[in-house]
Amino acid sequence: MPVELSRADPGTESLTDPAGSVQTTVETDGPWCAVVWNDPVNLMSYVEFVFRSYFGFSHLVAEQLMMQVHEEGSAVVSRGSRERAETDVQAMHSFGLQATLEKAGEN
């Protein structure tokens, strides 16, 4: 089941689990996304660990995003200003994950 995004305040979105409890708030003020791609190297448990430790996602949200990467080939893990998305992409690279910077709506 994919992670649902619900609007909180202007410039932010809240990631929620299917039960409806808010898990974390993500900056969305800007047209840029950090996208993590599936690869044959990293274990799913490691990808989930990276999402939890770097982004602060709950276990459930990190697991859902990891499964989206695994099953669909990629997942948007952050949205916001170009600088913020670039920082997140560089961080994913430092963890050994494949990630790209994309304009929102192009992925």
N, C-alpha and C. Protein backbone atom coordinates (compact mmCIF):
# COMPACT_ATOMS: atom_id res chain seq x y z
N MET A 1 0.85 -1.18 0.00
CA MET A 1 0.00 0.00 0.00
C MET A 1 0.89 1.23 0.00
N PRO A 2 0.73 2.15 -0.97
CA PRO A 2 1.60 3.31 -1.06
C PRO A 2 1.37 4.30 0.08
N VAL A 3 2.39 5.08 0.36
CA VAL A 3 2.29 6.12 1.36
C VAL A 3 1.37 7.21 0.82
N GLU A 4 0.46 7.69 1.65
CA GLU A 4 -0.45 8.75 1.25
C GLU A 4 0.09 10.08 1.72
N LEU A 5 0.02 11.09 0.85
CA LEU A 5 0.44 12.43 1.22
C LEU A 5 -0.79 13.28 1.45
N SER A 6 -0.84 13.94 2.58
CA SER A 6 -1.97 14.83 2.86
C SER A 6 -1.43 16.21 3.19
N ARG A 7 -2.08 17.26 2.71
CA ARG A 7 -1.62 18.63 2.90
C ARG A 7 -1.77 19.06 4.36
N ALA A 8 -0.73 19.60 4.95
CA ALA A 8 -0.77 20.10 6.32
C ALA A 8 -0.82 21.63 6.26
N ASP A 9 0.32 22.27 6.27
CA ASP A 9 0.43 23.72 6.14
C ASP A 9 0.98 24.02 4.75
N PRO A 10 0.79 25.23 4.24
CA PRO A 10 1.40 25.56 2.96
C PRO A 10 2.90 25.33 3.02
N GLY A 11 3.42 24.64 2.02
CA GLY A 11 4.85 24.37 1.99
C GLY A 11 5.25 23.08 2.68
N THR A 12 4.30 22.33 3.25
CA THR A 12 4.62 21.06 3.88
C THR A 12 3.56 20.03 3.53
N GLU A 13 3.96 18.77 3.62
CA GLU A 13 3.01 17.68 3.49
C GLU A 13 3.28 16.71 4.62
N SER A 14 2.24 16.02 5.06
CA SER A 14 2.40 15.03 6.12
C SER A 14 2.27 13.65 5.52
N LEU A 15 3.25 12.80 5.80
CA LEU A 15 3.17 11.41 5.39
C LEU A 15 2.33 10.69 6.42
N THR A 16 1.31 9.96 5.97
CA THR A 16 0.45 9.25 6.90
C THR A 16 0.41 7.78 6.56
N ASP A 17 0.20 6.97 7.58
CA ASP A 17 0.03 5.54 7.34
C ASP A 17 -1.42 5.27 6.97
N PRO A 18 -1.74 4.05 6.50
CA PRO A 18 -3.11 3.76 6.08
C PRO A 18 -4.15 3.94 7.19
N ALA A 19 -3.75 3.85 8.44
CA ALA A 19 -4.68 4.02 9.55
C ALA A 19 -4.99 5.50 9.80
N GLY A 20 -4.21 6.39 9.16
CA GLY A 20 -4.49 7.81 9.26
C GLY A 20 -3.68 8.56 10.29
N SER A 21 -2.76 7.92 10.99
CA SER A 21 -1.97 8.65 11.97
C SER A 21 -0.77 9.29 11.27
N VAL A 22 -0.52 10.55 11.56
CA VAL A 22 0.55 11.29 10.90
C VAL A 22 1.89 10.74 11.36
N GLN A 23 2.79 10.51 10.42
CA GLN A 23 4.09 9.95 10.72
C GLN A 23 5.20 11.01 10.72
N THR A 24 5.21 11.88 9.72
CA THR A 24 6.24 12.91 9.63
C THR A 24 5.80 14.00 8.67
N THR A 25 6.40 15.17 8.78
CA THR A 25 6.09 16.27 7.89
C THR A 25 7.28 16.51 6.96
N VAL A 26 6.99 16.72 5.67
CA VAL A 26 8.01 16.88 4.65
C VAL A 26 7.84 18.24 3.99
N GLU A 27 8.94 18.96 3.78
CA GLU A 27 8.89 20.24 3.07
C GLU A 27 8.46 20.00 1.63
N THR A 28 7.52 20.78 1.15
CA THR A 28 7.07 20.63 -0.24
C THR A 28 7.03 21.95 -0.98
N ASP A 29 7.65 22.98 -0.41
CA ASP A 29 7.64 24.30 -1.04
C ASP A 29 8.75 24.35 -2.08
N GLY A 30 8.43 23.96 -3.27
CA GLY A 30 9.40 23.96 -4.36
C GLY A 30 9.11 22.82 -5.31
N PRO A 31 9.60 22.97 -6.51
CA PRO A 31 9.25 21.99 -7.54
C PRO A 31 10.24 20.85 -7.71
N TRP A 32 11.02 20.51 -6.70
CA TRP A 32 12.06 19.50 -6.86
C TRP A 32 11.82 18.29 -5.98
N CYS A 33 12.25 17.12 -6.47
CA CYS A 33 12.10 15.85 -5.74
C CYS A 33 13.42 15.13 -5.68
N ALA A 34 13.64 14.42 -4.59
CA ALA A 34 14.73 13.46 -4.49
C ALA A 34 14.09 12.09 -4.69
N VAL A 35 14.57 11.36 -5.70
CA VAL A 35 14.02 10.06 -6.05
C VAL A 35 15.07 8.99 -5.79
N VAL A 36 14.70 7.96 -5.05
CA VAL A 36 15.59 6.82 -4.81
C VAL A 36 15.18 5.69 -5.75
N TRP A 37 16.19 5.07 -6.37
CA TRP A 37 15.97 4.02 -7.37
C TRP A 37 16.36 2.66 -6.84
N ASN A 38 15.69 1.65 -7.33
CA ASN A 38 16.00 0.26 -6.98
C ASN A 38 17.37 -0.09 -7.55
N ASP A 39 18.09 -0.92 -6.84
CA ASP A 39 19.37 -1.42 -7.33
C ASP A 39 19.55 -2.86 -6.88
N PRO A 40 20.43 -3.60 -7.53
CA PRO A 40 20.63 -5.01 -7.16
C PRO A 40 21.62 -5.22 -6.02
N VAL A 41 22.09 -4.14 -5.40
CA VAL A 41 23.16 -4.24 -4.41
C VAL A 41 22.66 -4.16 -2.97
N ASN A 42 21.86 -3.15 -2.67
CA ASN A 42 21.47 -2.89 -1.28
C ASN A 42 20.29 -3.73 -0.83
N LEU A 43 20.39 -4.24 0.39
CA LEU A 43 19.30 -5.01 0.98
C LEU A 43 18.13 -4.09 1.30
N MET A 44 16.93 -4.65 1.24
CA MET A 44 15.73 -3.87 1.55
C MET A 44 15.79 -3.35 2.98
N SER A 45 16.31 -4.15 3.91
CA SER A 45 16.41 -3.71 5.30
C SER A 45 17.35 -2.52 5.44
N TYR A 46 18.41 -2.48 4.62
CA TYR A 46 19.33 -1.35 4.67
C TYR A 46 18.67 -0.09 4.12
N VAL A 47 17.93 -0.21 3.02
CA VAL A 47 17.23 0.94 2.44
C VAL A 47 16.25 1.51 3.47
N GLU A 48 15.51 0.63 4.14
CA GLU A 48 14.59 1.08 5.19
C GLU A 48 15.35 1.78 6.31
N PHE A 49 16.48 1.23 6.71
CA PHE A 49 17.31 1.84 7.75
C PHE A 49 17.74 3.26 7.35
N VAL A 50 18.17 3.43 6.09
CA VAL A 50 18.60 4.74 5.61
C VAL A 50 17.43 5.73 5.67
N PHE A 51 16.26 5.31 5.22
CA PHE A 51 15.10 6.20 5.25
C PHE A 51 14.75 6.60 6.68
N ARG A 52 14.85 5.66 7.61
CA ARG A 52 14.53 5.97 9.01
C ARG A 52 15.58 6.87 9.62
N SER A 53 16.86 6.57 9.39
CA SER A 53 17.91 7.33 10.07
C SER A 53 18.11 8.71 9.46
N TYR A 54 18.07 8.84 8.14
CA TYR A 54 18.32 10.15 7.54
C TYR A 54 17.08 11.05 7.56
N PHE A 55 15.96 10.53 7.10
CA PHE A 55 14.75 11.35 7.00
C PHE A 55 13.93 11.36 8.29
N GLY A 56 14.17 10.42 9.20
CA GLY A 56 13.40 10.36 10.43
C GLY A 56 12.02 9.75 10.24
N PHE A 57 11.81 9.02 9.14
CA PHE A 57 10.53 8.38 8.90
C PHE A 57 10.27 7.30 9.94
N SER A 58 9.01 7.07 10.24
CA SER A 58 8.63 5.98 11.13
C SER A 58 8.94 4.65 10.43
N HIS A 59 8.90 3.59 11.20
CA HIS A 59 9.13 2.25 10.63
C HIS A 59 8.17 1.98 9.49
N LEU A 60 6.90 2.28 9.69
CA LEU A 60 5.87 2.00 8.69
C LEU A 60 6.08 2.79 7.40
N VAL A 61 6.34 4.09 7.51
CA VAL A 61 6.54 4.92 6.33
C VAL A 61 7.81 4.49 5.60
N ALA A 62 8.89 4.25 6.33
CA ALA A 62 10.14 3.82 5.71
C ALA A 62 9.95 2.48 4.99
N GLU A 63 9.21 1.58 5.60
CA GLU A 63 8.96 0.28 4.98
C GLU A 63 8.13 0.44 3.70
N GLN A 64 7.11 1.30 3.73
CA GLN A 64 6.28 1.52 2.55
C GLN A 64 7.08 2.14 1.41
N LEU A 65 7.92 3.12 1.72
CA LEU A 65 8.75 3.72 0.68
C LEU A 65 9.76 2.71 0.14
N MET A 66 10.35 1.91 1.01
CA MET A 66 11.29 0.88 0.57
C MET A 66 10.61 -0.11 -0.36
N MET A 67 9.38 -0.53 -0.02
CA MET A 67 8.64 -1.47 -0.87
C MET A 67 8.28 -0.83 -2.20
N GLN A 68 7.99 0.46 -2.21
CA GLN A 68 7.72 1.16 -3.47
C GLN A 68 8.97 1.15 -4.35
N VAL A 69 10.13 1.40 -3.75
CA VAL A 69 11.38 1.34 -4.50
C VAL A 69 11.57 -0.06 -5.06
N HIS A 70 11.36 -1.07 -4.24
CA HIS A 70 11.57 -2.46 -4.63
C HIS A 70 10.61 -2.91 -5.72
N GLU A 71 9.32 -2.60 -5.57
CA GLU A 71 8.30 -3.11 -6.48
C GLU A 71 8.09 -2.24 -7.72
N GLU A 72 8.20 -0.91 -7.57
CA GLU A 72 7.92 -0.01 -8.68
C GLU A 72 9.19 0.54 -9.33
N GLY A 73 10.34 0.31 -8.68
CA GLY A 73 11.61 0.76 -9.24
C GLY A 73 12.13 2.07 -8.70
N SER A 74 11.24 2.88 -8.09
CA SER A 74 11.69 4.15 -7.51
C SER A 74 10.63 4.69 -6.57
N ALA A 75 11.04 5.67 -5.77
CA ALA A 75 10.11 6.36 -4.87
C ALA A 75 10.63 7.77 -4.60
N VAL A 76 9.71 8.72 -4.54
CA VAL A 76 10.05 10.08 -4.14
C VAL A 76 10.17 10.08 -2.62
N VAL A 77 11.33 10.47 -2.12
CA VAL A 77 11.55 10.46 -0.68
C VAL A 77 11.55 11.85 -0.07
N SER A 78 11.67 12.89 -0.90
CA SER A 78 11.54 14.26 -0.40
C SER A 78 11.17 15.18 -1.55
N ARG A 79 10.53 16.28 -1.19
CA ARG A 79 10.16 17.33 -2.14
C ARG A 79 10.47 18.66 -1.49
N GLY A 80 10.80 19.63 -2.31
CA GLY A 80 11.04 20.96 -1.77
C GLY A 80 11.89 21.79 -2.69
N SER A 81 12.66 22.68 -2.09
CA SER A 81 13.54 23.55 -2.86
C SER A 81 14.61 22.71 -3.54
N ARG A 82 15.20 23.26 -4.58
CA ARG A 82 16.26 22.55 -5.28
C ARG A 82 17.42 22.23 -4.33
N GLU A 83 17.78 23.18 -3.50
CA GLU A 83 18.90 22.98 -2.57
C GLU A 83 18.62 21.83 -1.61
N ARG A 84 17.39 21.78 -1.08
CA ARG A 84 17.02 20.72 -0.15
C ARG A 84 17.06 19.35 -0.83
N ALA A 85 16.48 19.28 -2.04
CA ALA A 85 16.46 18.02 -2.77
C ALA A 85 17.87 17.58 -3.15
N GLU A 86 18.73 18.54 -3.55
CA GLU A 86 20.12 18.20 -3.87
C GLU A 86 20.84 17.64 -2.65
N THR A 87 20.60 18.24 -1.50
CA THR A 87 21.21 17.75 -0.25
C THR A 87 20.76 16.33 0.04
N ASP A 88 19.47 16.06 -0.14
CA ASP A 88 18.94 14.71 0.10
C ASP A 88 19.52 13.70 -0.89
N VAL A 89 19.65 14.08 -2.16
CA VAL A 89 20.23 13.18 -3.16
C VAL A 89 21.68 12.87 -2.80
N GLN A 90 22.45 13.88 -2.43
CA GLN A 90 23.84 13.67 -2.03
C GLN A 90 23.93 12.77 -0.81
N ALA A 91 23.02 12.94 0.13
CA ALA A 91 23.00 12.09 1.32
C ALA A 91 22.72 10.64 0.95
N MET A 92 21.76 10.43 0.03
CA MET A 92 21.46 9.06 -0.41
C MET A 92 22.68 8.44 -1.09
N HIS A 93 23.41 9.22 -1.87
CA HIS A 93 24.64 8.72 -2.50
C HIS A 93 25.67 8.34 -1.43
N SER A 94 25.77 9.15 -0.38
CA SER A 94 26.74 8.85 0.68
C SER A 94 26.40 7.55 1.41
N PHE A 95 25.12 7.16 1.39
CA PHE A 95 24.70 5.89 1.98
C PHE A 95 24.81 4.74 0.97
N GLY A 96 25.21 5.04 -0.26
CA GLY A 96 25.36 4.02 -1.28
C GLY A 96 24.09 3.71 -2.06
N LEU A 97 23.08 4.58 -1.95
CA LEU A 97 21.84 4.38 -2.69
C LEU A 97 21.86 5.19 -3.98
N GLN A 98 21.19 4.69 -5.00
CA GLN A 98 21.06 5.42 -6.26
C GLN A 98 19.91 6.41 -6.11
N ALA A 99 20.18 7.68 -6.37
CA ALA A 99 19.15 8.72 -6.23
C ALA A 99 19.39 9.78 -7.28
N THR A 100 18.30 10.44 -7.68
CA THR A 100 18.38 11.51 -8.65
C THR A 100 17.53 12.69 -8.20
N LEU A 101 17.86 13.84 -8.77
CA LEU A 101 17.11 15.08 -8.56
C LEU A 101 16.20 15.25 -9.76
N GLU A 102 14.90 15.47 -9.51
CA GLU A 102 13.96 15.64 -10.60
C GLU A 102 12.98 16.76 -10.27
N LYS A 103 12.45 17.38 -11.32
CA LYS A 103 11.39 18.35 -11.12
C LYS A 103 10.12 17.57 -10.75
N ALA A 104 9.35 18.11 -9.82
CA ALA A 104 8.10 17.46 -9.39
C ALA A 104 7.19 17.28 -10.60
N GLY A 105 6.55 16.12 -10.67
CA GLY A 105 5.63 15.82 -11.75
C GLY A 105 6.27 15.18 -12.95
N GLU A 106 7.59 15.08 -12.98
CA GLU A 106 8.28 14.48 -14.11
C GLU A 106 8.65 13.03 -13.87
N ASN A 107 8.39 12.49 -12.70
CA ASN A 107 8.79 11.11 -12.40
C ASN A 107 7.62 10.18 -12.46
